[in-house]
C-alpha atoms as a PDB file:
ATOM      1  CA  ASN A   1      34.921-135.235  25.974  1.00  0.00           C
ATOM      2  CA  LEU A   2      34.296-133.483  22.425  1.00  0.00           C
ATOM      3  CA  HIS A   3      32.426-130.355  22.103  1.00  0.00           C
ATOM      4  CA  GLU A   4      29.469-130.446  19.318  1.00  0.00           C
ATOM      5  CA  ASN A   5      31.921-128.483  16.755  1.00  0.00           C
ATOM      6  CA  GLU A   6      35.296-130.568  17.242  1.00  0.00           C
ATOM      7  CA  ILE A   7      36.027-133.894  15.368  1.00  0.00           C
ATOM      8  CA  GLN A   8      37.786-136.561  16.229  1.00  0.00           C
ATOM      9  CA  ILE A   9      40.647-138.444  13.893  1.00  0.00           C
ATOM     10  CA  GLU A  10      41.831-141.346  14.595  1.00  0.00           C
ATOM     11  CA  ASN A  11      44.409-142.321  11.849  1.00  0.00           C
ATOM     12  CA  ALA A  12      46.181-140.541   8.531  1.00  0.00           C
ATOM     13  CA  LYS A  13      43.641-142.327   6.231  1.00  0.00           C
ATOM     14  CA  GLU A  14      40.702-140.401   7.951  1.00  0.00           C
ATOM     15  CA  LEU A  15      42.699-137.298   8.132  1.00  0.00           C
ATOM     16  CA  ASP A  16      43.301-137.861   4.319  1.00  0.00           C
ATOM     17  CA  ARG A  17      39.721-138.596   3.642  1.00  0.00           C
ATOM     18  CA  PHE A  18      38.563-135.533   5.633  1.00  0.00           C
ATOM     19  CA  ILE A  19      40.786-133.092   4.127  1.00  0.00           C
ATOM     20  CA  ASN A  20      39.532-134.266   0.609  1.00  0.00           C
ATOM     21  CA  LEU A  21      35.879-133.930   1.971  1.00  0.00           C
ATOM     22  CA  LEU A  22      36.904-130.296   3.031  1.00  0.00           C
ATOM     23  CA  LYS A  23      38.643-129.676  -0.715  1.00  0.00           C
ATOM     24  CA  HIS A  24      35.376-131.475  -2.101  1.00  0.00           C
ATOM     25  CA  LEU A  25      33.304-128.549  -0.239  1.00  0.00           C
ATOM     26  CA  GLN A  26      35.251-125.846  -0.972  1.00  0.00           C
ATOM     27  CA  ASN A  27      35.393-126.457  -4.804  1.00  0.00           C
ATOM     28  CA  LYS A  28      31.425-126.956  -4.442  1.00  0.00           C
ATOM     29  CA  PHE A  29      30.864-123.795  -2.805  1.00  0.00           C
ATOM     30  CA  GLN A  30      33.328-121.570  -4.403  1.00  0.00           C
ATOM     31  CA  LYS A  31      32.107-118.942  -7.090  1.00  0.00           C
ATOM     32  CA  PRO A  32      32.920-119.993 -10.725  1.00  0.00           C
ATOM     33  CA  ILE A  33      36.160-119.114 -12.013  1.00  0.00           C
ATOM     34  CA  SER A  34      36.199-117.640 -15.236  1.00  0.00           C
ATOM     35  CA  PRO A  35      39.153-119.631 -17.370  1.00  0.00           C
ATOM     36  CA  PRO A  36      42.176-117.528 -18.530  1.00  0.00           C
ATOM     37  CA  GLY A  37      41.961-115.943 -21.837  1.00  0.00           C
ATOM     38  CA  HIS A  38      44.558-117.833 -23.562  1.00  0.00           C
ATOM     39  CA  LEU A  39      42.190-120.906 -22.877  1.00  0.00           C
ATOM     40  CA  ILE A  40      39.543-119.543 -24.321  1.00  0.00           C
ATOM     41  CA  CYS A  41      38.855-119.919 -28.456  1.00  0.00           C
ATOM     42  CA  PRO A  42      38.769-116.406 -30.112  1.00  0.00           C
ATOM     43  CA  LEU A  43      35.678-117.975 -32.366  1.00  0.00           C
ATOM     44  CA  SER A  44      33.690-119.926 -30.284  1.00  0.00           C
ATOM     45  CA  GLN A  45      34.393-117.915 -26.681  1.00  0.00           C
ATOM     46  CA  GLN A  46      34.465-121.406 -24.881  1.00  0.00           C
ATOM     47  CA  ILE A  47      37.367-122.757 -23.029  1.00  0.00           C
ATOM     48  CA  MET A  48      39.068-125.175 -25.795  1.00  0.00           C
ATOM     49  CA  ILE A  49      38.819-129.044 -26.056  1.00  0.00           C
ATOM     50  CA  ASP A  50      40.716-129.785 -29.063  1.00  0.00           C
ATOM     51  CA  PRO A  51      43.065-127.031 -29.509  1.00  0.00           C
ATOM     52  CA  VAL A  52      44.724-126.369 -32.886  1.00  0.00           C
ATOM     53  CA  VAL A  53      47.453-123.724 -34.011  1.00  0.00           C
ATOM     54  CA  ALA A  54      46.314-122.187 -37.649  1.00  0.00           C
ATOM     55  CA  LYS A  55      49.178-120.981 -39.842  1.00  0.00           C
ATOM     56  CA  ASP A  56      48.428-117.392 -38.391  1.00  0.00           C
ATOM     57  CA  GLY A  57      50.145-118.382 -35.447  1.00  0.00           C
ATOM     58  CA  ASN A  58      46.890-118.224 -33.029  1.00  0.00           C
ATOM     59  CA  THR A  59      45.404-121.219 -31.026  1.00  0.00           C
ATOM     60  CA  TYR A  60      41.545-122.117 -32.213  1.00  0.00           C
ATOM     61  CA  GLU A  61      39.054-124.827 -31.078  1.00  0.00           C
ATOM     62  CA  LYS A  62      39.288-127.046 -34.086  1.00  0.00           C
ATOM     63  CA  ASN A  63      36.178-127.266 -35.157  1.00  0.00           C
ATOM     64  CA  ALA A  64      35.495-123.373 -34.834  1.00  0.00           C
ATOM     65  CA  ILE A  65      37.912-122.851 -36.927  1.00  0.00           C
ATOM     66  CA  GLU A  66      37.424-125.679 -39.438  1.00  0.00           C
ATOM     67  CA  ASN A  67      33.838-124.319 -39.679  1.00  0.00           C
ATOM     68  CA  TRP A  68      35.652-120.784 -40.075  1.00  0.00           C
ATOM     69  CA  PHE A  69      37.435-122.435 -43.220  1.00  0.00           C
ATOM     70  CA  GLU A  70      34.261-124.414 -44.560  1.00  0.00           C
ATOM     71  CA  GLN A  71      32.356-121.005 -44.524  1.00  0.00           C
ATOM     72  CA  GLY A  72      34.852-119.577 -47.466  1.00  0.00           C
ATOM     73  CA  TYR A  73      36.291-117.047 -45.482  1.00  0.00           C
ATOM     74  CA  ASP A  74      39.380-115.835 -46.945  1.00  0.00           C
ATOM     75  CA  THR A  75      41.165-114.259 -43.960  1.00  0.00           C
ATOM     76  CA  TYR A  76      42.042-115.530 -40.245  1.00  0.00           C
ATOM     77  CA  PRO A  77      39.782-114.330 -37.764  1.00  0.00           C
ATOM     78  CA  THR A  78      42.037-112.803 -35.299  1.00  0.00           C
ATOM     79  CA  THR A  79      44.893-111.673 -37.858  1.00  0.00           C
ATOM     80  CA  GLY A  80      42.988-110.679 -40.844  1.00  0.00           C
ATOM     81  CA  LYS A  81      45.855-112.337 -42.680  1.00  0.00           C
ATOM     82  CA  SER A  82      45.215-113.939 -45.958  1.00  0.00           C
ATOM     83  CA  ILE A  83      44.316-117.652 -45.491  1.00  0.00           C
ATOM     84  CA  THR A  84      46.657-119.316 -47.970  1.00  0.00           C
ATOM     85  CA  ASP A  85      47.195-122.708 -45.887  1.00  0.00           C
ATOM     86  CA  MET A  86      44.470-124.274 -43.775  1.00  0.00           C
ATOM     87  CA  THR A  87      47.209-126.674 -41.998  1.00  0.00           C
ATOM     88  CA  LEU A  88      45.993-127.093 -38.664  1.00  0.00           C
ATOM     89  CA  THR A  89      48.452-128.215 -35.748  1.00  0.00           C
ATOM     90  CA  ALA A  90      47.561-129.769 -32.342  1.00  0.00           C
ATOM     91  CA  ASN A  91      48.523-127.660 -29.390  1.00  0.00           C
ATOM     92  CA  MET A  92      49.317-130.302 -26.964  1.00  0.00           C
ATOM     93  CA  ALA A  93      50.704-127.668 -24.188  1.00  0.00           C
ATOM     94  CA  ILE A  94      47.221-125.620 -24.264  1.00  0.00           C
ATOM     95  CA  LYS A  95      45.309-128.920 -24.587  1.00  0.00           C
ATOM     96  CA  GLY A  96      46.955-129.940 -21.179  1.00  0.00           C
ATOM     97  CA  LEU A  97      46.274-126.222 -19.240  1.00  0.00           C
ATOM     98  CA  CYS A  98      42.523-126.821 -20.755  1.00  0.00           C
ATOM     99  CA  ASP A  99      42.205-130.424 -19.564  1.00  0.00           C
ATOM    100  CA  GLU A 100      44.193-129.133 -15.844  1.00  0.00           C
ATOM    101  CA  TRP A 101      41.613-126.009 -15.474  1.00  0.00           C
ATOM    102  CA  ARG A 102      38.500-127.960 -16.332  1.00  0.00           C
ATOM    103  CA  LYS A 103      39.563-130.661 -13.783  1.00  0.00           C
ATOM    104  CA  ASN A 104      40.001-128.169 -11.204  1.00  0.00           C
ATOM    105  CA  ASN A 105      36.990-125.884 -11.804  1.00  0.00           C
END
């Protein structure tokens, strides 16, 4: 006989489904967690979707730093270094971390 607060699991497949349900409920009811600072664009203050490294060595959301360039600023927003090269390089490591954080939070 089962008590009202007990469950019966017949096989491994049911156990896996039950564990996944518990994880889902845990995630649903946890307080939102802020992403780590290195995943946040210094311009947009949002977790990055398309992070790029600018020639000042910092990572920005691509649209945000492109808008910065288009607005005619002559220095980088975080370092204050003069903008002499507007080359942007995809930051795949940070993109992977951002994607993983969004998936889990």
